[in-house]
Amino acid sequence: EDETRYETLLRKDTEQTQTLITDAGLPAPICY
């Protein structure tokens, strides 16, 4: 897998969870 494609996938996946949590009114996660 291309490094750029991998980083984009991991960033997008992680940001989706961050958004779900913060949009629910919960504090942004700082631990993965």
PDB file of all heavy atoms in Angstrom:
ATOM      1  N   GLU A   1       0.840  -1.199   0.000  1.00  0.00           N
ATOM      2  CA  GLU A   1       0.000   0.000   0.000  1.00  0.00           C
ATOM      3  C   GLU A   1       0.877   1.251   0.000  1.00  0.00           C
ATOM      4  O   GLU A   1       1.828   1.360   0.776  1.00  0.00           O
ATOM      5  CB  GLU A   1      -0.901  -0.003   1.233  1.00  0.00           C
ATOM      6  CG  GLU A   1      -1.899   1.124   1.285  1.00  0.00           C
ATOM      7  CD  GLU A   1      -2.873   0.975   2.443  1.00  0.00           C
ATOM      8  OE1 GLU A   1      -2.521   0.354   3.472  1.00  0.00           O
ATOM      9  OE2 GLU A   1      -3.988   1.479   2.324  1.00  0.00           O
ATOM     10  N   ASP A   2       0.544   2.180  -0.852  1.00  0.00           N
ATOM     11  CA  ASP A   2       1.250   3.460  -0.948  1.00  0.00           C
ATOM     12  C   ASP A   2       1.150   4.195   0.394  1.00  0.00           C
ATOM     13  O   ASP A   2       0.088   4.241   1.013  1.00  0.00           O
ATOM     14  CB  ASP A   2       0.604   4.274  -2.079  1.00  0.00           C
ATOM     15  CG  ASP A   2       1.135   5.674  -2.157  1.00  0.00           C
ATOM     16  OD1 ASP A   2       2.241   5.838  -2.720  1.00  0.00           O
ATOM     17  OD2 ASP A   2       0.451   6.593  -1.663  1.00  0.00           O
ATOM     18  N   GLU A   3       2.254   4.794   0.838  1.00  0.00           N
ATOM     19  CA  GLU A   3       2.308   5.473   2.131  1.00  0.00           C
ATOM     20  C   GLU A   3       1.290   6.604   2.232  1.00  0.00           C
ATOM     21  O   GLU A   3       0.610   6.753   3.250  1.00  0.00           O
ATOM     22  CB  GLU A   3       3.719   6.015   2.373  1.00  0.00           C
ATOM     23  CG  GLU A   3       3.900   6.625   3.732  1.00  0.00           C
ATOM     24  CD  GLU A   3       5.335   7.086   3.980  1.00  0.00           C
ATOM     25  OE1 GLU A   3       6.245   6.703   3.235  1.00  0.00           O
ATOM     26  OE2 GLU A   3       5.507   7.856   4.943  1.00  0.00           O
ATOM     27  N   THR A   4       1.162   7.392   1.179  1.00  0.00           N
ATOM     28  CA  THR A   4       0.213   8.509   1.193  1.00  0.00           C
ATOM     29  C   THR A   4      -1.220   8.005   1.294  1.00  0.00           C
ATOM     30  O   THR A   4      -2.027   8.549   2.056  1.00  0.00           O
ATOM     31  CB  THR A   4       0.386   9.380  -0.070  1.00  0.00           C
ATOM     32  OG1 THR A   4       1.731   9.848  -0.119  1.00  0.00           O
ATOM     33  CG2 THR A   4      -0.570  10.561  -0.061  1.00  0.00           C
ATOM     34  N   ARG A   5      -1.531   6.963   0.556  1.00  0.00           N
ATOM     35  CA  ARG A   5      -2.887   6.394   0.596  1.00  0.00           C
ATOM     36  C   ARG A   5      -3.183   5.847   1.994  1.00  0.00           C
ATOM     37  O   ARG A   5      -4.276   6.029   2.529  1.00  0.00           O
ATOM     38  CB  ARG A   5      -3.007   5.292  -0.453  1.00  0.00           C
ATOM     39  CG  ARG A   5      -4.367   4.670  -0.495  1.00  0.00           C
ATOM     40  CD  ARG A   5      -4.446   3.650  -1.582  1.00  0.00           C
ATOM     41  NE  ARG A   5      -5.657   3.927  -2.322  1.00  0.00           N
ATOM     42  CZ  ARG A   5      -6.053   3.273  -3.366  1.00  0.00           C
ATOM     43  NH1 ARG A   5      -5.312   2.325  -3.867  1.00  0.00           N
ATOM     44  NH2 ARG A   5      -7.175   3.573  -3.948  1.00  0.00           N
ATOM     45  N   TYR A   6      -2.199   5.172   2.586  1.00  0.00           N
ATOM     46  CA  TYR A   6      -2.364   4.627   3.932  1.00  0.00           C
ATOM     47  C   TYR A   6      -2.615   5.743   4.940  1.00  0.00           C
ATOM     48  O   TYR A   6      -3.548   5.666   5.745  1.00  0.00           O
ATOM     49  CB  TYR A   6      -1.130   3.819   4.341  1.00  0.00           C
ATOM     50  CG  TYR A   6      -1.091   3.519   5.816  1.00  0.00           C
ATOM     51  CD1 TYR A   6      -1.972   2.594   6.377  1.00  0.00           C
ATOM     52  CD2 TYR A   6      -0.211   4.186   6.659  1.00  0.00           C
ATOM     53  CE1 TYR A   6      -1.963   2.338   7.737  1.00  0.00           C
ATOM     54  CE2 TYR A   6      -0.194   3.926   8.023  1.00  0.00           C
ATOM     55  CZ  TYR A   6      -1.073   3.010   8.557  1.00  0.00           C
ATOM     56  OH  TYR A   6      -1.068   2.756   9.899  1.00  0.00           O
ATOM     57  N   GLU A   7      -1.797   6.783   4.914  1.00  0.00           N
ATOM     58  CA  GLU A   7      -1.958   7.886   5.860  1.00  0.00           C
ATOM     59  C   GLU A   7      -3.312   8.567   5.703  1.00  0.00           C
ATOM     60  O   GLU A   7      -3.942   8.939   6.693  1.00  0.00           O
ATOM     61  CB  GLU A   7      -0.820   8.889   5.705  1.00  0.00           C
ATOM     62  CG  GLU A   7       0.493   8.368   6.235  1.00  0.00           C
ATOM     63  CD  GLU A   7       1.640   9.359   6.098  1.00  0.00           C
ATOM     64  OE1 GLU A   7       1.412  10.499   5.630  1.00  0.00           O
ATOM     65  OE2 GLU A   7       2.764   8.977   6.466  1.00  0.00           O
ATOM     66  N   THR A   8      -3.774   8.712   4.460  1.00  0.00           N
ATOM     67  CA  THR A   8      -5.087   9.308   4.206  1.00  0.00           C
ATOM     68  C   THR A   8      -6.190   8.441   4.805  1.00  0.00           C
ATOM     69  O   THR A   8      -7.109   8.948   5.452  1.00  0.00           O
ATOM     70  CB  THR A   8      -5.305   9.498   2.691  1.00  0.00           C
ATOM     71  OG1 THR A   8      -4.286  10.365   2.186  1.00  0.00           O
ATOM     72  CG2 THR A   8      -6.679  10.080   2.392  1.00  0.00           C
ATOM     73  N   LEU A   9      -6.095   7.133   4.617  1.00  0.00           N
ATOM     74  CA  LEU A   9      -7.088   6.196   5.158  1.00  0.00           C
ATOM     75  C   LEU A   9      -7.126   6.274   6.680  1.00  0.00           C
ATOM     76  O   LEU A   9      -8.200   6.415   7.276  1.00  0.00           O
ATOM     77  CB  LEU A   9      -6.765   4.761   4.721  1.00  0.00           C
ATOM     78  CG  LEU A   9      -7.601   3.698   5.438  1.00  0.00           C
ATOM     79  CD1 LEU A   9      -8.839   3.377   4.631  1.00  0.00           C
ATOM     80  CD2 LEU A   9      -6.780   2.454   5.693  1.00  0.00           C
ATOM     81  N   LEU A  10      -5.962   6.181   7.327  1.00  0.00           N
ATOM     82  CA  LEU A  10      -5.917   6.195   8.789  1.00  0.00           C
ATOM     83  C   LEU A  10      -6.404   7.535   9.347  1.00  0.00           C
ATOM     84  O   LEU A  10      -7.173   7.572  10.306  1.00  0.00           O
ATOM     85  CB  LEU A  10      -4.504   5.888   9.296  1.00  0.00           C
ATOM     86  CG  LEU A  10      -4.333   5.853  10.813  1.00  0.00           C
ATOM     87  CD1 LEU A  10      -5.297   4.868  11.468  1.00  0.00           C
ATOM     88  CD2 LEU A  10      -2.887   5.517  11.165  1.00  0.00           C
ATOM     89  N   ARG A  11      -6.000   8.628   8.723  1.00  0.00           N
ATOM     90  CA  ARG A  11      -6.447   9.958   9.174  1.00  0.00           C
ATOM     91  C   ARG A  11      -7.973  10.090   9.034  1.00  0.00           C
ATOM     92  O   ARG A  11      -8.660  10.507   9.966  1.00  0.00           O
ATOM     93  CB  ARG A  11      -5.748  11.060   8.389  1.00  0.00           C
ATOM     94  CG  ARG A  11      -6.140  12.473   8.833  1.00  0.00           C
ATOM     95  CD  ARG A  11      -5.414  13.545   8.047  1.00  0.00           C
ATOM     96  NE  ARG A  11      -3.977  13.491   8.219  1.00  0.00           N
ATOM     97  CZ  ARG A  11      -3.323  14.026   9.249  1.00  0.00           C
ATOM     98  NH1 ARG A  11      -3.992  14.668  10.193  1.00  0.00           N
ATOM     99  NH2 ARG A  11      -2.017  13.934   9.338  1.00  0.00           N
ATOM    100  N   LYS A  12      -8.512   9.718   7.884  1.00  0.00           N
ATOM    101  CA  LYS A  12      -9.959   9.837   7.651  1.00  0.00           C
ATOM    102  C   LYS A  12     -10.738   8.964   8.637  1.00  0.00           C
ATOM    103  O   LYS A  12     -11.726   9.406   9.221  1.00  0.00           O
ATOM    104  CB  LYS A  12     -10.293   9.448   6.212  1.00  0.00           C
ATOM    105  CG  LYS A  12     -11.757   9.576   5.884  1.00  0.00           C
ATOM    106  CD  LYS A  12     -12.044   9.219   4.443  1.00  0.00           C
ATOM    107  CE  LYS A  12     -13.540   9.284   4.183  1.00  0.00           C
ATOM    108  NZ  LYS A  12     -13.899   8.846   2.846  1.00  0.00           N
ATOM    109  N   ASP A  13     -10.287   7.724   8.824  1.00  0.00           N
ATOM    110  CA  ASP A  13     -10.956   6.809   9.741  1.00  0.00           C
ATOM    111  C   ASP A  13     -10.952   7.372  11.161  1.00  0.00           C
ATOM    112  O   ASP A  13     -11.984   7.390  11.836  1.00  0.00           O
ATOM    113  CB  ASP A  13     -10.253   5.444   9.702  1.00  0.00           C
ATOM    114  CG  ASP A  13     -10.926   4.431  10.592  1.00  0.00           C
ATOM    115  OD1 ASP A  13     -11.831   3.731  10.115  1.00  0.00           O
ATOM    116  OD2 ASP A  13     -10.551   4.346  11.789  1.00  0.00           O
ATOM    117  N   THR A  14      -9.797   7.860  11.596  1.00  0.00           N
ATOM    118  CA  THR A  14      -9.656   8.406  12.945  1.00  0.00           C
ATOM    119  C   THR A  14     -10.502   9.664  13.117  1.00  0.00           C
ATOM    120  O   THR A  14     -11.179   9.837  14.143  1.00  0.00           O
ATOM    121  CB  THR A  14      -8.167   8.695  13.234  1.00  0.00           C
ATOM    122  OG1 THR A  14      -7.422   7.482  13.056  1.00  0.00           O
ATOM    123  CG2 THR A  14      -7.963   9.214  14.637  1.00  0.00           C
ATOM    124  N   GLU A  15     -10.496  10.533  12.121  1.00  0.00           N
ATOM    125  CA  GLU A  15     -11.285  11.768  12.194  1.00  0.00           C
ATOM    126  C   GLU A  15     -12.783  11.478  12.243  1.00  0.00           C
ATOM    127  O   GLU A  15     -13.531  12.219  12.891  1.00  0.00           O
ATOM    128  CB  GLU A  15     -10.948  12.677  11.016  1.00  0.00           C
ATOM    129  CG  GLU A  15      -9.572  13.328  11.160  1.00  0.00           C
ATOM    130  CD  GLU A  15      -9.123  14.093   9.925  1.00  0.00           C
ATOM    131  OE1 GLU A  15      -9.739  13.955   8.842  1.00  0.00           O
ATOM    132  OE2 GLU A  15      -8.122  14.839  10.044  1.00  0.00           O
ATOM    133  N   GLN A  16     -13.239  10.408  11.575  1.00  0.00           N
ATOM    134  CA  GLN A  16     -14.669  10.066  11.624  1.00  0.00           C
ATOM    135  C   GLN A  16     -15.096   9.767  13.056  1.00  0.00           C
ATOM    136  O   GLN A  16     -16.167  10.185  13.489  1.00  0.00           O
ATOM    137  CB  GLN A  16     -14.972   8.860  10.723  1.00  0.00           C
ATOM    138  CG  GLN A  16     -15.231   9.235   9.293  1.00  0.00           C
ATOM    139  CD  GLN A  16     -15.717   8.040   8.499  1.00  0.00           C
ATOM    140  OE1 GLN A  16     -14.909   7.279   7.983  1.00  0.00           O
ATOM    141  NE2 GLN A  16     -17.010   7.884   8.415  1.00  0.00           N
ATOM    142  N   THR A  17     -14.263   9.045  13.779  1.00  0.00           N
ATOM    143  CA  THR A  17     -14.603   8.736  15.167  1.00  0.00           C
ATOM    144  C   THR A  17     -14.528   9.989  16.036  1.00  0.00           C
ATOM    145  O   THR A  17     -15.405  10.218  16.866  1.00  0.00           O
ATOM    146  CB  THR A  17     -13.680   7.638  15.724  1.00  0.00           C
ATOM    147  OG1 THR A  17     -13.819   6.477  14.905  1.00  0.00           O
ATOM    148  CG2 THR A  17     -14.036   7.288  17.155  1.00  0.00           C
ATOM    149  N   GLN A  18     -13.505  10.802  15.813  1.00  0.00           N
ATOM    150  CA  GLN A  18     -13.392  12.059  16.569  1.00  0.00           C
ATOM    151  C   GLN A  18     -14.652  12.900  16.366  1.00  0.00           C
ATOM    152  O   GLN A  18     -15.203  13.446  17.324  1.00  0.00           O
ATOM    153  CB  GLN A  18     -12.156  12.851  16.131  1.00  0.00           C
ATOM    154  CG  GLN A  18     -10.817  12.199  16.438  1.00  0.00           C
ATOM    155  CD  GLN A  18     -10.482  12.130  17.903  1.00  0.00           C
ATOM    156  OE1 GLN A  18     -10.693  11.095  18.534  1.00  0.00           O
ATOM    157  NE2 GLN A  18      -9.965  13.208  18.454  1.00  0.00           N
ATOM    158  N   THR A  19     -15.108  13.003  15.141  1.00  0.00           N
ATOM    159  CA  THR A  19     -16.289  13.799  14.815  1.00  0.00           C
ATOM    160  C   THR A  19     -17.546  13.217  15.465  1.00  0.00           C
ATOM    161  O   THR A  19     -18.353  13.955  16.030  1.00  0.00           O
ATOM    162  CB  THR A  19     -16.461  13.900  13.286  1.00  0.00           C
ATOM    163  OG1 THR A  19     -15.295  14.543  12.744  1.00  0.00           O
ATOM    164  CG2 THR A  19     -17.702  14.677  12.912  1.00  0.00           C
ATOM    165  N   LEU A  20     -17.710  11.898  15.383  1.00  0.00           N
ATOM    166  CA  LEU A  20     -18.871  11.259  16.005  1.00  0.00           C
ATOM    167  C   LEU A  20     -18.927  11.609  17.488  1.00  0.00           C
ATOM    168  O   LEU A  20     -19.973  11.990  18.010  1.00  0.00           O
ATOM    169  CB  LEU A  20     -18.809   9.733  15.827  1.00  0.00           C
ATOM    170  CG  LEU A  20     -19.883   8.943  16.580  1.00  0.00           C
ATOM    171  CD1 LEU A  20     -21.211   9.011  15.840  1.00  0.00           C
ATOM    172  CD2 LEU A  20     -19.449   7.512  16.776  1.00  0.00           C
ATOM    173  N   ILE A  21     -17.803  11.491  18.151  1.00  0.00           N
ATOM    174  CA  ILE A  21     -17.744  11.722  19.597  1.00  0.00           C
ATOM    175  C   ILE A  21     -17.972  13.197  19.935  1.00  0.00           C
ATOM    176  O   ILE A  21     -18.779  13.525  20.805  1.00  0.00           O
ATOM    177  CB  ILE A  21     -16.416  11.183  20.164  1.00  0.00           C
ATOM    178  CG1 ILE A  21     -16.396   9.650  20.042  1.00  0.00           C
ATOM    179  CG2 ILE A  21     -16.211  11.636  21.607  1.00  0.00           C
ATOM    180  CD1 ILE A  21     -15.047   9.010  20.297  1.00  0.00           C
ATOM    181  N   THR A  22     -17.287  14.090  19.254  1.00  0.00           N
ATOM    182  CA  THR A  22     -17.433  15.523  19.580  1.00  0.00           C
ATOM    183  C   THR A  22     -18.799  16.065  19.160  1.00  0.00           C
ATOM    184  O   THR A  22     -19.364  16.900  19.863  1.00  0.00           O
ATOM    185  CB  THR A  22     -16.298  16.360  18.966  1.00  0.00           C
ATOM    186  OG1 THR A  22     -16.275  16.173  17.552  1.00  0.00           O
ATOM    187  CG2 THR A  22     -14.948  15.976  19.568  1.00  0.00           C
ATOM    188  N   ASP A  23     -19.336  15.588  18.043  1.00  0.00           N
ATOM    189  CA  ASP A  23     -20.682  16.017  17.636  1.00  0.00           C
ATOM    190  C   ASP A  23     -21.745  15.562  18.624  1.00  0.00           C
ATOM    191  O   ASP A  23     -22.814  16.152  18.709  1.00  0.00           O
ATOM    192  CB  ASP A  23     -21.029  15.500  16.234  1.00  0.00           C
ATOM    193  CG  ASP A  23     -20.345  16.288  15.122  1.00  0.00           C
ATOM    194  OD1 ASP A  23     -19.619  17.268  15.423  1.00  0.00           O
ATOM    195  OD2 ASP A  23     -20.526  15.907  13.942  1.00  0.00           O
ATOM    196  N   ALA A  24     -21.440  14.510  19.384  1.00  0.00           N
ATOM    197  CA  ALA A  24     -22.373  14.027  20.408  1.00  0.00           C
ATOM    198  C   ALA A  24     -22.255  14.840  21.694  1.00  0.00           C
ATOM    199  O   ALA A  24     -22.950  14.572  22.671  1.00  0.00           O
ATOM    200  CB  ALA A  24     -22.105  12.555  20.690  1.00  0.00           C
ATOM    201  N   GLY A  25     -21.360  15.843  21.696  1.00  0.00           N
ATOM    202  CA  GLY A  25     -21.202  16.682  22.868  1.00  0.00           C
ATOM    203  C   GLY A  25     -20.216  16.134  23.887  1.00  0.00           C
ATOM    204  O   GLY A  25     -20.162  16.609  25.019  1.00  0.00           O
ATOM    205  N   LEU A  26     -19.440  15.133  23.493  1.00  0.00           N
ATOM    206  CA  LEU A  26     -18.440  14.552  24.384  1.00  0.00           C
ATOM    207  C   LEU A  26     -17.079  15.177  24.094  1.00  0.00           C
ATOM    208  O   LEU A  26     -16.829  15.641  22.985  1.00  0.00           O
ATOM    209  CB  LEU A  26     -18.379  13.033  24.178  1.00  0.00           C
ATOM    210  CG  LEU A  26     -19.677  12.285  24.509  1.00  0.00           C
ATOM    211  CD1 LEU A  26     -19.646  10.875  23.933  1.00  0.00           C
ATOM    212  CD2 LEU A  26     -19.886  12.246  26.008  1.00  0.00           C
ATOM    213  N   PRO A  27     -16.174  15.181  25.076  1.00  0.00           N
ATOM    214  CA  PRO A  27     -14.840  15.740  24.854  1.00  0.00           C
ATOM    215  C   PRO A  27     -14.088  14.967  23.762  1.00  0.00           C
ATOM    216  O   PRO A  27     -14.239  13.748  23.631  1.00  0.00           O
ATOM    217  CB  PRO A  27     -14.136  15.569  26.207  1.00  0.00           C
ATOM    218  CG  PRO A  27     -15.231  15.390  27.197  1.00  0.00           C
ATOM    219  CD  PRO A  27     -16.367  14.739  26.457  1.00  0.00           C
ATOM    220  N   ALA A  28     -13.260  15.690  23.014  1.00  0.00           N
ATOM    221  CA  ALA A  28     -12.470  15.056  21.956  1.00  0.00           C
ATOM    222  C   ALA A  28     -11.485  14.063  22.571  1.00  0.00           C
ATOM    223  O   ALA A  28     -10.775  14.399  23.522  1.00  0.00           O
ATOM    224  CB  ALA A  28     -11.709  16.115  21.157  1.00  0.00           C
ATOM    225  N   PRO A  29     -11.442  12.843  22.054  1.00  0.00           N
ATOM    226  CA  PRO A  29     -10.489  11.851  22.555  1.00  0.00           C
ATOM    227  C   PRO A  29      -9.044  12.312  22.382  1.00  0.00           C
ATOM    228  O   PRO A  29      -8.702  12.950  21.385  1.00  0.00           O
ATOM    229  CB  PRO A  29     -10.765  10.623  21.688  1.00  0.00           C
ATOM    230  CG  PRO A  29     -12.200  10.773  21.278  1.00  0.00           C
ATOM    231  CD  PRO A  29     -12.353  12.251  21.061  1.00  0.00           C
ATOM    232  N   ILE A  30      -8.219  11.957  23.355  1.00  0.00           N
ATOM    233  CA  ILE A  30      -6.788  12.241  23.293  1.00  0.00           C
ATOM    234  C   ILE A  30      -5.963  10.955  23.342  1.00  0.00           C
ATOM    235  O   ILE A  30      -4.743  10.990  23.306  1.00  0.00           O
ATOM    236  CB  ILE A  30      -6.349  13.197  24.424  1.00  0.00           C
ATOM    237  CG1 ILE A  30      -6.682  12.615  25.788  1.00  0.00           C
ATOM    238  CG2 ILE A  30      -6.970  14.579  24.227  1.00  0.00           C
ATOM    239  CD1 ILE A  30      -6.095  13.375  26.963  1.00  0.00           C
ATOM    240  N   CYS A  31      -6.660   9.822  23.429  1.00  0.00           N
ATOM    241  CA  CYS A  31      -6.003   8.518  23.470  1.00  0.00           C
ATOM    242  C   CYS A  31      -6.560   7.655  22.334  1.00  0.00           C
ATOM    243  O   CYS A  31      -7.760   7.697  22.051  1.00  0.00           O
ATOM    244  CB  CYS A  31      -6.255   7.840  24.815  1.00  0.00           C
ATOM    245  SG  CYS A  31      -5.434   6.242  24.974  1.00  0.00           S
ATOM    246  N   TYR A  32      -5.696   6.916  21.693  1.00  0.00           N
ATOM    247  CA  TYR A  32      -6.099   6.019  20.607  1.00  0.00           C
ATOM    248  C   TYR A  32      -5.747   4.593  21.014  1.00  0.00           C
ATOM    249  O   TYR A  32      -4.609   4.314  21.393  1.00  0.00           O
ATOM    250  CB  TYR A  32      -5.366   6.378  19.315  1.00  0.00           C
ATOM    251  CG  TYR A  32      -5.869   5.614  18.108  1.00  0.00           C
ATOM    252  CD1 TYR A  32      -6.869   6.142  17.310  1.00  0.00           C
ATOM    253  CD2 TYR A  32      -5.342   4.374  17.775  1.00  0.00           C
ATOM    254  CE1 TYR A  32      -7.341   5.455  16.205  1.00  0.00           C
ATOM    255  CE2 TYR A  32      -5.811   3.680  16.675  1.00  0.00           C
ATOM    256  CZ  TYR A  32      -6.806   4.218  15.892  1.00  0.00           C
ATOM    257  OH  TYR A  32      -7.283   3.533  14.812  1.00  0.00           O
TER     258      TYR A  32
END
